[in-house]
Amino acid sequence: MFYQQFCREEFDDQGRLVRFDLTYPEDYNFGYDVVDRIAEVTPEKLALLWIDAEKNERRFTFDQIRRLSNQTVHALRARGVKRGDRVMLMMKRCYAYWFVIVALHKIGAIAVPVSHMLRLEDVVYRVHKIGISYVIALADDGIAGILQEVKEELSGLKEIWTYGPNKYGLRNLEEDIAYMPETLERIPTSVSDIMIVYFTSGTTDYPKAVAHNHTYSLAHILTAKYWQRVEENGLHMTVADTGWGKASWGKIYGQWLMGAVVIVYDFESFDSRQLVTILNRYKVNTFCAPPTVYRYMVKRGNIELPWLHHAVSAGEFLSPEISAKFEEQTGLAIAEGFGQTETTLQIANIAGYETRRGSMGRPTPLYDIEVVKEDGTPVSPGEPGEIVIRLRENQSGLMMGYLNEQTVTSKSFSDGVYHTGDLAWVDPDGYFWYNGRKDDVIKSGGFRVGPVEIENIVIEHPLVLECSVVGVPDALRGQAIKAVIVLLPKAVPSDELKKEIRQFANARLAVFKHIRHIEFVDELPKTHNGKIRKRVFG
């Protein structure tokens, strides 16, 4: 298969993957060596299927992506974009994102995808933080209006494009592309160049800029093949905005390397029933979504997905109760996985191994992963500790570092390991079980309490949709445990319901983990890439 030229795989006698190494030339570039190469061999092969909530549909072959990306290269270079320039992308789920980012890869410019939900101060911070030179955005009234304000405030920006017409007088990329040549001579780039930058969630501090080189795209072969289990010519959908790192995990690199078709559902307001309709109408084979999507799917009615072969989830903790209901309704076990903006897939329920409900899975062969105590020594089975990656020579899939954050980068890479800041425990069979972030640990009455176990139990209550557990100041205990809860629409908030939920959960928890306070909210505050901002309630 096409992807095999870029990796070496080894399997045990049961056919399970035990080693995975990347192979690539020094000038490897996803635009030329993947997109253009597939287009040369199979020009009519479908790459992208885009649909929106109004049932509009666009299909793009690899040859079309090649030609459109070449035209985009010419349009961007005509306005000065060159190798190493940092280009911010605010394109939501627009189909143009796919040929625009391929064009940036071909130029050797650095793509910086961000959420369209950023406000003015968020955009200004990111532009200043890493020296953004150009911005390309969807011609959405909200986005274009913010960019117009940024243009006035940040004279250092060399150009702002919008894709599609808008009333703000910004440069129109769609028009610039239209009359450009469809052919392109290869532009020199290096595999060690920065290819893409994502900003972290910023749940506890200002967002940091995570830099990945061009091997990042190849490391997602493992993501797509062994975790998402995409199929040659099959349709894969990942629910994610292009400003999230999850878009790179599930909407372009590994999927195209494996010969799968990326299906994009472009919506403004999420509707779980409409999502199920889309999955069935287009006979989607493999599916990835954050736990919130699965919660809405199973708690708002029975679902049937006869065409779906495999489902995965990552990004936050998935309640076993939600996973069990999904499996009961569809016959599919949700395979959880774990990774970060700073990495590719670290731990997962991958092909060849049992999928264990509630477990993150086992370390992938791309990384040497351990769980350690604060002094760096390994934990015993069942004992929680920090997930760390033992560094290898030429480690693939791991960030180059945080741009303009040398102190923070050095702290993350110390003692021969990369510190994830995430906590887990390992069972005797080598499966990892998530235990929260180090920053989220609650210290109550002399005990250290991870919020995940409590959230997992609260979410089992039939009237609870979402839950976040935090520590709040308490004169007696230091911190008391508080559950912040989003109820199902049919539920009526009341003191009686608070008491019922507290009794429901506390009956299943050790005394030192008992919930002392409950607050009902309409929604949980989240970062632009969907992570819950716990400190709002702490």
Protein backbone atom coordinates (compact mmCIF):
# COMPACT_ATOMS: atom_id res chain seq x y z
CA MET A 1 0.00 0.00 0.00
CA PHE A 2 1.03 3.61 -0.56
CA TYR A 3 1.75 4.41 3.11
CA GLN A 4 4.29 1.58 3.45
CA GLN A 5 7.04 3.53 1.70
CA PHE A 6 7.13 5.83 4.73
CA CYS A 7 7.30 3.34 7.60
CA ARG A 8 8.52 -0.01 8.87
CA GLU A 9 6.14 -2.19 10.84
CA GLU A 10 6.90 -5.29 12.91
CA PHE A 11 4.32 -7.68 14.34
CA ASP A 12 4.33 -10.41 16.96
CA ASP A 13 3.22 -13.98 16.27
CA GLN A 14 -0.39 -12.93 16.91
CA GLY A 15 -0.24 -10.25 14.24
CA ARG A 16 -0.14 -7.35 16.71
CA LEU A 17 1.94 -4.27 15.97
CA VAL A 18 5.03 -4.17 18.20
CA ARG A 19 7.31 -1.76 16.31
CA PHE A 20 6.65 1.24 14.11
CA ASP A 21 9.41 3.41 12.62
CA LEU A 22 9.19 6.14 10.01
CA THR A 23 11.30 6.29 6.88
CA TYR A 24 11.49 9.40 4.74
CA PRO A 25 13.84 11.48 2.56
CA GLU A 26 15.38 14.68 3.95
CA ASP A 27 13.15 16.78 1.73
CA TYR A 28 9.92 14.91 2.55
CA ASN A 29 6.86 17.14 2.11
CA PHE A 30 3.24 15.99 2.46
CA GLY A 31 2.13 18.23 -0.41
CA TYR A 32 4.52 16.84 -3.00
CA ASP A 33 5.21 13.33 -1.72
CA VAL A 34 1.68 12.35 -0.72
CA VAL A 35 -0.97 14.55 -2.37
CA ASP A 36 0.81 15.05 -5.69
CA ARG A 37 2.08 11.48 -5.84
CA ILE A 38 -1.39 9.99 -5.30
CA ALA A 39 -2.74 12.42 -7.88
CA GLU A 40 -0.18 11.24 -10.43
CA VAL A 41 -1.01 7.55 -9.96
CA THR A 42 -4.78 7.75 -9.34
CA PRO A 43 -5.95 11.26 -10.32
CA GLU A 44 -9.66 10.45 -9.98
CA LYS A 45 -9.30 8.98 -6.50
CA LEU A 46 -11.68 10.78 -4.13
CA ALA A 47 -9.89 12.70 -1.36
CA LEU A 48 -12.55 14.91 0.22
CA LEU A 49 -16.34 14.83 0.49
CA TRP A 50 -17.78 18.02 1.99
CA ILE A 51 -21.41 18.58 2.93
CA ASP A 52 -23.15 21.26 4.97
CA ALA A 53 -26.35 21.50 6.99
CA GLU A 54 -28.25 22.75 3.92
CA LYS A 55 -27.29 19.56 2.02
CA ASN A 56 -24.84 21.35 -0.28
CA GLU A 57 -22.11 18.96 -1.39
CA ARG A 58 -18.62 19.25 -2.89
CA ARG A 59 -16.34 16.40 -3.93
CA PHE A 60 -12.61 16.78 -4.53
CA THR A 61 -10.30 14.23 -6.12
CA PHE A 62 -6.59 14.15 -5.37
CA ASP A 63 -5.95 15.68 -8.78
CA GLN A 64 -8.25 18.58 -7.93
CA ILE A 65 -6.52 19.08 -4.57
CA ARG A 66 -3.16 19.06 -6.39
CA ARG A 67 -4.25 21.65 -8.95
CA LEU A 68 -6.05 23.90 -6.46
CA SER A 69 -3.12 23.78 -4.04
CA ASN A 70 -0.73 24.70 -6.87
CA GLN A 71 -2.91 27.68 -7.80
CA THR A 72 -2.98 28.70 -4.15
CA VAL A 73 0.83 28.51 -3.97
CA HIS A 74 1.10 30.92 -6.88
CA ALA A 75 -1.47 33.28 -5.37
CA LEU A 76 0.23 33.37 -1.97
CA ARG A 77 3.76 33.73 -3.35
CA ALA A 78 2.59 36.62 -5.54
CA ARG A 79 1.84 38.50 -2.31
CA GLY A 80 5.13 37.58 -0.69
CA VAL A 81 4.47 34.37 1.27
CA LYS A 82 7.70 32.38 1.47
CA ARG A 83 9.32 29.48 3.26
CA GLY A 84 9.28 29.95 7.02
CA ASP A 85 6.52 32.58 7.08
CA ARG A 86 3.83 31.99 9.69
CA VAL A 87 0.31 31.96 8.28
CA MET A 88 -2.74 31.87 10.55
CA LEU A 89 -5.74 29.90 9.27
CA MET A 90 -9.27 30.65 10.54
CA MET A 91 -11.33 28.54 8.17
CA LYS A 92 -13.84 26.61 10.31
CA ARG A 93 -14.80 23.53 8.24
CA CYS A 94 -14.61 25.18 4.81
CA TYR A 95 -13.46 22.81 2.03
CA ALA A 96 -10.85 25.39 0.96
CA TYR A 97 -8.84 24.57 4.11
CA TRP A 98 -7.64 21.33 2.56
CA PHE A 99 -6.01 22.81 -0.52
CA VAL A 100 -4.84 25.94 1.34
CA ILE A 101 -2.92 23.99 3.99
CA VAL A 102 -1.41 21.71 1.33
CA ALA A 103 -0.29 24.86 -0.49
CA LEU A 104 1.40 26.16 2.66
CA HIS A 105 3.22 22.85 3.05
CA LYS A 106 4.43 23.08 -0.56
CA ILE A 107 5.76 26.61 -0.02
CA GLY A 108 7.42 25.61 3.23
CA ALA A 109 5.41 28.23 5.09
CA ILE A 110 4.23 27.44 8.62
CA ALA A 111 0.51 26.76 8.98
CA VAL A 112 -1.04 28.03 12.22
CA PRO A 113 -4.65 26.76 12.36
CA VAL A 114 -6.78 28.45 15.03
CA SER A 115 -10.41 28.37 16.05
CA HIS A 116 -12.87 30.71 14.38
CA MET A 117 -14.25 31.38 17.88
CA LEU A 118 -11.24 33.48 18.88
CA ARG A 119 -12.00 37.02 19.97
CA LEU A 120 -9.99 40.11 19.14
CA GLU A 121 -7.61 39.79 22.10
CA ASP A 122 -7.05 36.09 21.32
CA VAL A 123 -6.04 36.88 17.75
CA VAL A 124 -3.77 39.73 18.84
CA TYR A 125 -2.06 37.49 21.41
CA ARG A 126 -1.33 34.78 18.86
CA VAL A 127 -0.11 37.18 16.20
CA HIS A 128 2.32 38.83 18.62
CA LYS A 129 3.36 35.60 20.34
CA ILE A 130 4.93 33.92 17.31
CA GLY A 131 5.12 36.66 14.68
CA ILE A 132 2.24 35.87 12.35
CA SER A 133 2.78 37.54 8.96
CA TYR A 134 -0.34 36.49 7.06
CA VAL A 135 -3.90 35.48 7.87
CA ILE A 136 -6.31 33.43 5.75
CA ALA A 137 -9.87 33.19 6.98
CA LEU A 138 -13.33 32.24 5.90
CA ALA A 139 -15.44 35.20 4.74
CA ASP A 140 -17.73 34.92 7.72
CA ASP A 141 -19.15 38.18 9.06
CA GLY A 142 -17.91 37.53 12.59
CA ILE A 143 -14.42 36.42 11.52
CA ALA A 144 -13.96 39.12 8.89
CA GLY A 145 -15.11 41.81 11.30
CA ILE A 146 -12.56 40.76 13.92
CA LEU A 147 -9.83 40.60 11.31
CA GLN A 148 -10.65 44.09 10.13
CA GLU A 149 -10.14 45.30 13.70
CA VAL A 150 -6.88 43.36 13.92
CA LYS A 151 -5.72 44.90 10.65
CA GLU A 152 -6.06 48.34 12.14
CA GLU A 153 -4.31 47.33 15.39
CA LEU A 154 -1.52 45.18 13.95
CA SER A 155 0.18 47.01 11.14
CA GLY A 156 2.84 44.29 11.08
CA LEU A 157 0.50 41.89 9.28
CA LYS A 158 1.51 41.82 5.64
CA GLU A 159 -1.79 40.51 4.26
CA ILE A 160 -5.21 39.29 5.34
CA TRP A 161 -7.18 37.11 2.93
CA THR A 162 -10.71 35.87 3.18
CA TYR A 163 -12.00 32.95 1.19
CA GLY A 164 -15.31 34.03 -0.32
CA PRO A 165 -16.75 37.54 -0.63
CA ASN A 166 -17.17 39.82 2.37
CA LYS A 167 -18.15 43.41 3.07
CA TYR A 168 -14.96 44.43 4.84
CA GLY A 169 -12.78 45.00 1.80
CA LEU A 170 -10.19 42.37 2.70
CA ARG A 171 -8.28 40.62 -0.04
CA ASN A 172 -10.21 37.75 -1.66
CA LEU A 173 -8.18 34.53 -1.92
CA GLU A 174 -10.82 32.79 -4.03
CA GLU A 175 -10.43 35.49 -6.69
CA ASP A 176 -6.63 35.46 -6.44
CA ILE A 177 -6.54 31.71 -7.02
CA ALA A 178 -8.92 31.60 -9.97
CA TYR A 179 -6.53 32.60 -12.75
CA MET A 180 -3.31 31.13 -11.42
CA PRO A 181 -1.42 28.28 -13.17
CA GLU A 182 -2.31 24.73 -12.15
CA THR A 183 1.25 23.43 -12.46
CA LEU A 184 4.11 24.01 -10.05
CA GLU A 185 7.84 23.34 -9.88
CA ARG A 186 8.81 21.79 -6.57
CA ILE A 187 9.98 24.37 -4.02
CA PRO A 188 12.89 23.23 -1.80
CA THR A 189 11.87 22.37 1.77
CA SER A 190 13.32 20.23 4.56
CA VAL A 191 11.66 17.56 6.66
CA SER A 192 13.12 19.26 9.75
CA ASP A 193 11.42 22.59 9.00
CA ILE A 194 8.48 23.64 11.16
CA MET A 195 5.39 22.52 9.24
CA ILE A 196 2.52 23.35 11.58
CA VAL A 197 1.92 25.16 14.87
CA TYR A 198 -1.02 24.61 17.19
CA PHE A 199 -1.76 26.62 20.30
CA THR A 200 -2.48 24.63 23.46
CA SER A 201 -5.83 24.78 25.22
CA GLY A 202 -4.79 27.37 27.76
CA THR A 203 -6.86 25.83 30.55
CA THR A 204 -4.44 26.93 33.31
CA ASP A 205 -2.15 29.49 31.63
CA TYR A 206 -1.77 31.45 28.43
CA PRO A 207 -1.84 29.17 25.37
CA LYS A 208 1.57 27.97 24.22
CA ALA A 209 2.59 27.58 20.58
CA VAL A 210 3.46 23.94 19.80
CA ALA A 211 5.74 23.42 16.79
CA HIS A 212 5.82 20.21 14.71
CA ASN A 213 8.06 19.42 11.74
CA HIS A 214 7.04 17.60 8.57
CA THR A 215 7.34 14.11 10.12
CA TYR A 216 4.20 14.96 12.11
CA SER A 217 2.08 14.08 9.08
CA LEU A 218 3.71 10.64 8.77
CA ALA A 219 3.35 9.83 12.47
CA HIS A 220 -0.41 9.94 11.94
CA ILE A 221 -0.21 6.79 9.78
CA LEU A 222 -0.39 4.91 13.07
CA THR A 223 -3.31 7.07 14.24
CA ALA A 224 -5.34 6.34 11.15
CA LYS A 225 -4.47 2.70 10.51
CA TYR A 226 -4.30 1.12 13.94
CA TRP A 227 -6.60 3.29 16.05
CA GLN A 228 -9.21 4.78 13.71
CA ARG A 229 -8.83 1.71 11.46
CA VAL A 230 -9.65 3.65 8.32
CA GLU A 231 -10.17 1.64 5.15
CA GLU A 232 -8.85 2.04 1.62
CA ASN A 233 -11.50 4.10 -0.24
CA GLY A 234 -13.66 4.02 2.90
CA LEU A 235 -15.22 7.16 4.33
CA HIS A 236 -13.83 8.52 7.59
CA MET A 237 -15.38 11.32 9.63
CA THR A 238 -13.78 13.13 12.54
CA VAL A 239 -15.90 15.73 14.30
CA ALA A 240 -13.57 18.70 14.74
CA ASP A 241 -13.07 22.26 13.65
CA THR A 242 -9.94 22.81 11.53
CA GLY A 243 -8.54 25.01 14.30
CA TRP A 244 -8.19 21.99 16.60
CA GLY A 245 -5.26 19.58 16.60
CA LYS A 246 -7.83 16.82 16.20
CA ALA A 247 -8.26 17.97 12.58
CA SER A 248 -4.69 16.86 11.87
CA TRP A 249 -5.40 13.59 13.69
CA GLY A 250 -8.50 12.74 11.72
CA LYS A 251 -9.17 14.96 8.72
CA ILE A 252 -6.14 14.86 6.43
CA TYR A 253 -2.73 13.28 7.03
CA GLY A 254 -3.07 9.68 8.15
CA GLN A 255 -6.37 9.25 6.33
CA TRP A 256 -4.99 10.28 2.93
CA LEU A 257 -1.79 8.30 3.48
CA MET A 258 -4.00 5.25 4.06
CA GLY A 259 -6.11 5.91 0.95
CA ALA A 260 -9.30 6.81 2.84
CA VAL A 261 -11.79 9.51 1.91
CA VAL A 262 -12.18 12.35 4.42
CA ILE A 263 -15.82 13.34 4.88
CA VAL A 264 -16.47 16.77 6.37
CA TYR A 265 -19.81 17.80 7.83
CA ASP A 266 -19.86 21.61 7.95
CA PHE A 267 -22.41 22.75 10.52
CA GLU A 268 -23.03 25.82 12.67
CA SER A 269 -25.12 24.32 15.47
CA PHE A 270 -24.51 20.73 16.55
CA ASP A 271 -27.50 18.39 16.25
CA SER A 272 -26.81 14.77 17.18
CA ARG A 273 -29.77 13.47 15.20
CA GLN A 274 -28.63 15.31 12.08
CA LEU A 275 -25.12 13.91 12.56
CA VAL A 276 -26.49 10.35 12.68
CA THR A 277 -28.49 11.06 9.52
CA ILE A 278 -25.31 12.20 7.73
CA LEU A 279 -23.35 9.15 8.90
CA ASN A 280 -26.02 6.85 7.51
CA ARG A 281 -26.80 8.78 4.32
CA TYR A 282 -23.16 8.65 3.20
CA LYS A 283 -22.44 5.21 4.68
CA VAL A 284 -19.51 6.40 6.77
CA ASN A 285 -17.24 3.51 7.78
CA THR A 286 -15.07 4.92 10.56
CA PHE A 287 -15.82 7.71 13.01
CA CYS A 288 -13.99 9.79 15.60
CA ALA A 289 -15.61 12.26 17.98
CA PRO A 290 -14.96 13.79 21.41
CA PRO A 291 -16.88 12.32 24.37
CA THR A 292 -19.34 15.24 24.37
CA VAL A 293 -20.64 14.16 20.96
CA TYR A 294 -21.16 10.59 22.11
CA ARG A 295 -22.94 11.84 25.23
CA TYR A 296 -25.43 13.79 23.13
CA MET A 297 -25.87 10.88 20.73
CA VAL A 298 -26.77 8.27 23.34
CA LYS A 299 -28.63 10.47 25.81
CA ARG A 300 -30.96 12.02 23.25
CA GLY A 301 -32.37 8.90 21.67
CA ASN A 302 -31.55 5.46 20.32
CA ILE A 303 -29.20 5.39 17.35
CA GLU A 304 -28.64 2.95 14.51
CA LEU A 305 -25.42 3.08 12.49
CA PRO A 306 -25.47 0.00 10.24
CA TRP A 307 -22.67 1.24 7.95
CA LEU A 308 -20.24 2.15 10.70
CA HIS A 309 -17.43 -0.36 11.29
CA HIS A 310 -15.38 1.36 14.00
CA ALA A 311 -15.69 4.29 16.43
CA VAL A 312 -13.01 6.04 18.48
CA SER A 313 -12.83 8.90 20.96
CA ALA A 314 -10.19 11.15 22.52
CA GLY A 315 -9.74 14.65 23.85
CA GLU A 316 -11.25 14.17 27.30
CA PHE A 317 -12.42 11.35 29.53
CA LEU A 318 -15.22 9.16 28.13
CA SER A 319 -17.57 7.79 30.75
CA PRO A 320 -17.84 3.97 30.64
CA GLU A 321 -21.59 4.43 31.07
CA ILE A 322 -21.80 6.42 27.82
CA SER A 323 -19.52 3.93 26.07
CA ALA A 324 -21.70 1.03 27.24
CA LYS A 325 -24.88 2.71 25.99
CA PHE A 326 -23.30 3.42 22.60
CA GLU A 327 -22.21 -0.21 22.30
CA GLU A 328 -25.67 -1.40 23.36
CA GLN A 329 -27.34 0.74 20.68
CA THR A 330 -24.85 0.20 17.83
CA GLY A 331 -22.94 -2.99 18.63
CA LEU A 332 -19.67 -1.04 18.43
CA ALA A 333 -17.17 -0.65 21.27
CA ILE A 334 -15.68 2.85 21.35
CA ALA A 335 -11.89 2.58 21.24
CA GLU A 336 -10.42 5.34 23.36
CA GLY A 337 -7.07 6.95 22.70
CA PHE A 338 -4.80 9.51 24.30
CA GLY A 339 -2.46 12.13 22.95
CA GLN A 340 -1.78 15.83 23.19
CA THR A 341 -1.32 18.89 21.03
CA GLU A 342 2.38 18.24 21.66
CA THR A 343 2.26 14.67 20.31
CA THR A 344 0.45 12.27 18.05
CA LEU A 345 -1.33 9.18 19.39
CA GLN A 346 0.51 8.03 22.52
CA ILE A 347 -1.81 5.45 24.05
CA ALA A 348 -4.81 3.71 22.49
CA ASN A 349 -6.99 0.68 22.13
CA ILE A 350 -5.39 -0.28 18.83
CA ALA A 351 -6.08 -3.09 16.40
CA GLY A 352 -5.02 -6.56 17.55
CA TYR A 353 -5.69 -5.94 21.24
CA GLU A 354 -8.82 -6.16 23.33
CA THR A 355 -10.73 -2.88 23.57
CA ARG A 356 -11.29 -2.21 27.26
CA ARG A 357 -14.14 0.10 28.12
CA GLY A 358 -12.97 3.08 30.15
CA SER A 359 -9.28 2.45 29.45
CA MET A 360 -7.06 4.69 27.34
CA GLY A 361 -5.53 1.51 25.97
CA ARG A 362 -1.87 0.56 25.67
CA PRO A 363 1.18 2.62 24.58
CA THR A 364 1.65 2.71 20.83
CA PRO A 365 5.02 1.49 19.46
CA LEU A 366 5.89 5.02 18.32
CA TYR A 367 6.67 6.00 21.92
CA ASP A 368 8.41 4.54 24.98
CA ILE A 369 5.87 5.44 27.68
CA GLU A 370 5.95 4.98 31.46
CA VAL A 371 3.96 6.14 34.47
CA VAL A 372 6.24 7.53 37.16
CA LYS A 373 6.15 9.00 40.66
CA GLU A 374 7.21 12.58 41.40
CA ASP A 375 10.80 11.38 41.93
CA GLY A 376 10.81 9.78 38.46
CA THR A 377 10.71 6.15 39.58
CA PRO A 378 8.12 3.79 38.04
CA VAL A 379 4.85 3.28 39.88
CA SER A 380 3.46 -0.08 40.93
CA PRO A 381 0.41 -1.52 39.12
CA GLY A 382 -2.70 0.38 40.19
CA GLU A 383 -0.72 3.32 41.59
CA PRO A 384 -1.33 6.68 39.86
CA GLY A 385 1.54 8.72 38.48
CA GLU A 386 2.52 11.01 35.62
CA ILE A 387 2.63 9.77 32.03
CA VAL A 388 6.07 10.44 30.56
CA ILE A 389 7.73 9.62 27.24
CA ARG A 390 11.27 8.27 27.39
CA LEU A 391 13.11 10.12 24.62
CA ARG A 392 14.57 8.18 21.72
CA GLU A 393 17.02 9.35 19.10
CA ASN A 394 15.09 10.91 16.21
CA GLN A 395 11.81 10.63 18.11
CA SER A 396 8.90 11.09 15.70
CA GLY A 397 5.48 12.48 16.55
CA LEU A 398 6.73 14.63 19.43
CA MET A 399 6.80 18.42 19.24
CA MET A 400 9.98 20.34 18.46
CA GLY A 401 9.16 22.60 21.40
CA TYR A 402 7.11 25.64 22.40
CA LEU A 403 7.91 28.65 20.23
CA ASN A 404 9.46 31.52 22.19
CA GLU A 405 9.09 29.52 25.44
CA GLN A 406 12.55 28.09 26.09
CA THR A 407 12.11 27.83 29.87
CA VAL A 408 8.79 26.00 29.58
CA THR A 409 10.20 23.75 26.84
CA SER A 410 13.20 22.83 28.99
CA LYS A 411 10.92 22.03 31.92
CA SER A 412 8.79 19.75 29.75
CA PHE A 413 11.90 17.97 28.42
CA SER A 414 13.93 17.07 31.51
CA ASP A 415 15.63 14.01 32.96
CA GLY A 416 15.55 12.27 29.58
CA VAL A 417 11.76 12.33 29.32
CA TYR A 418 8.94 14.47 28.02
CA HIS A 419 6.52 15.27 30.85
CA THR A 420 2.90 15.14 29.69
CA GLY A 421 1.42 16.55 32.91
CA ASP A 422 -1.31 13.90 32.70
CA LEU A 423 -1.90 11.27 35.35
CA ALA A 424 -2.81 7.61 34.93
CA TRP A 425 -2.50 4.20 36.53
CA VAL A 426 -1.67 0.93 34.79
CA ASP A 427 -3.40 -2.40 35.36
CA PRO A 428 -1.50 -5.74 35.47
CA ASP A 429 -2.19 -6.29 31.75
CA GLY A 430 -0.55 -3.04 30.70
CA TYR A 431 -3.71 -1.01 30.04
CA PHE A 432 -3.63 2.65 31.06
CA TRP A 433 -6.49 4.33 32.95
CA TYR A 434 -6.75 8.11 32.98
CA ASN A 435 -6.59 9.89 36.34
CA GLY A 436 -6.70 13.61 35.39
CA ARG A 437 -4.21 16.46 34.96
CA LYS A 438 -1.56 17.20 37.57
CA ASP A 439 -2.94 20.74 37.68
CA ASP A 440 -6.44 19.42 38.44
CA VAL A 441 -5.61 17.26 41.47
CA ILE A 442 -7.77 18.18 44.48
CA LYS A 443 -6.12 18.11 47.95
CA SER A 444 -8.91 17.43 50.42
CA GLY A 445 -8.44 16.50 54.09
CA GLY A 446 -4.89 15.35 53.45
CA PHE A 447 -5.88 13.16 50.48
CA ARG A 448 -5.05 13.73 46.81
CA VAL A 449 -8.18 13.23 44.72
CA GLY A 450 -8.31 13.00 40.95
CA PRO A 451 -11.56 14.48 39.57
CA VAL A 452 -12.03 11.96 36.77
CA GLU A 453 -13.29 9.08 38.95
CA ILE A 454 -15.91 11.34 40.53
CA GLU A 455 -16.99 12.80 37.17
CA ASN A 456 -17.29 9.28 35.83
CA ILE A 457 -19.75 8.34 38.58
CA VAL A 458 -21.81 11.55 38.44
CA ILE A 459 -22.30 11.20 34.68
CA GLU A 460 -24.01 7.85 35.29
CA HIS A 461 -26.99 9.64 36.84
CA PRO A 462 -29.80 9.50 34.23
CA LEU A 463 -30.42 13.27 34.32
CA VAL A 464 -26.77 14.39 33.98
CA LEU A 465 -25.38 15.36 30.58
CA GLU A 466 -21.96 16.78 31.53
CA CYS A 467 -20.00 17.15 34.75
CA SER A 468 -16.80 18.85 35.87
CA VAL A 469 -15.39 18.26 39.37
CA VAL A 470 -13.17 20.87 41.03
CA GLY A 471 -11.80 21.72 44.45
CA VAL A 472 -13.07 24.80 46.26
CA PRO A 473 -11.68 26.45 49.42
CA ASP A 474 -12.80 24.81 52.66
CA ALA A 475 -11.73 25.83 56.19
CA LEU A 476 -11.80 22.27 57.51
CA ARG A 477 -10.49 20.22 54.58
CA GLY A 478 -8.34 22.73 52.69
CA GLN A 479 -10.40 21.96 49.61
CA ALA A 480 -13.90 20.53 49.31
CA ILE A 481 -15.13 18.67 46.26
CA LYS A 482 -17.63 20.45 44.05
CA ALA A 483 -19.49 19.03 41.04
CA VAL A 484 -20.54 21.47 38.32
CA ILE A 485 -23.29 19.84 36.29
CA VAL A 486 -25.12 20.34 33.00
CA LEU A 487 -28.49 18.57 33.12
CA LEU A 488 -30.43 17.01 30.29
CA PRO A 489 -33.07 19.36 28.83
CA LYS A 490 -35.89 17.36 30.41
CA ALA A 491 -34.47 17.81 33.94
CA VAL A 492 -35.65 20.59 36.27
CA PRO A 493 -32.90 22.04 38.53
CA SER A 494 -33.78 22.01 42.22
CA ASP A 495 -32.26 21.56 45.67
CA GLU A 496 -33.95 18.17 45.80
CA LEU A 497 -32.18 17.09 42.61
CA LYS A 498 -28.84 18.29 43.99
CA LYS A 499 -29.41 16.12 47.05
CA GLU A 500 -30.42 13.15 44.90
CA ILE A 501 -27.31 13.41 42.69
CA ARG A 502 -25.03 13.89 45.69
CA GLN A 503 -26.44 10.80 47.41
CA PHE A 504 -26.26 8.83 44.14
CA ALA A 505 -22.56 9.62 43.74
CA ASN A 506 -21.42 9.54 47.37
CA ALA A 507 -22.87 6.07 47.85
CA ARG A 508 -20.30 4.91 45.27
CA LEU A 509 -17.33 6.92 46.55
CA ALA A 510 -14.89 6.66 49.43
CA VAL A 511 -15.69 9.16 52.18
CA PHE A 512 -12.72 11.41 51.40
CA LYS A 513 -14.01 11.70 47.80
CA HIS A 514 -17.53 12.73 48.77
CA ILE A 515 -19.10 15.61 46.88
CA ARG A 516 -19.85 18.51 49.24
CA HIS A 517 -21.23 21.05 46.75
CA ILE A 518 -23.20 20.92 43.50
CA GLU A 519 -23.85 23.72 41.03
CA PHE A 520 -26.12 23.47 38.00
CA VAL A 521 -25.07 25.45 34.90
CA ASP A 522 -26.45 25.76 31.39
CA GLU A 523 -23.07 24.88 29.87
CA LEU A 524 -19.52 24.22 30.97
CA PRO A 525 -17.03 26.95 29.99
CA LYS A 526 -14.58 25.55 27.49
CA THR A 527 -11.49 26.63 25.62
CA HIS A 528 -11.59 27.23 21.90
CA ASN A 529 -10.65 23.60 21.25
CA GLY A 530 -13.24 22.11 23.57
CA LYS A 531 -11.38 21.53 26.85
CA ILE A 532 -13.27 22.37 30.05
CA ARG A 533 -11.87 25.40 31.90
CA LYS A 534 -12.00 24.03 35.43
CA ARG A 535 -10.47 27.08 37.08
CA VAL A 536 -13.60 29.10 36.36
CA PHE A 537 -15.31 27.15 39.16
CA GLY A 538 -12.32 26.46 41.40
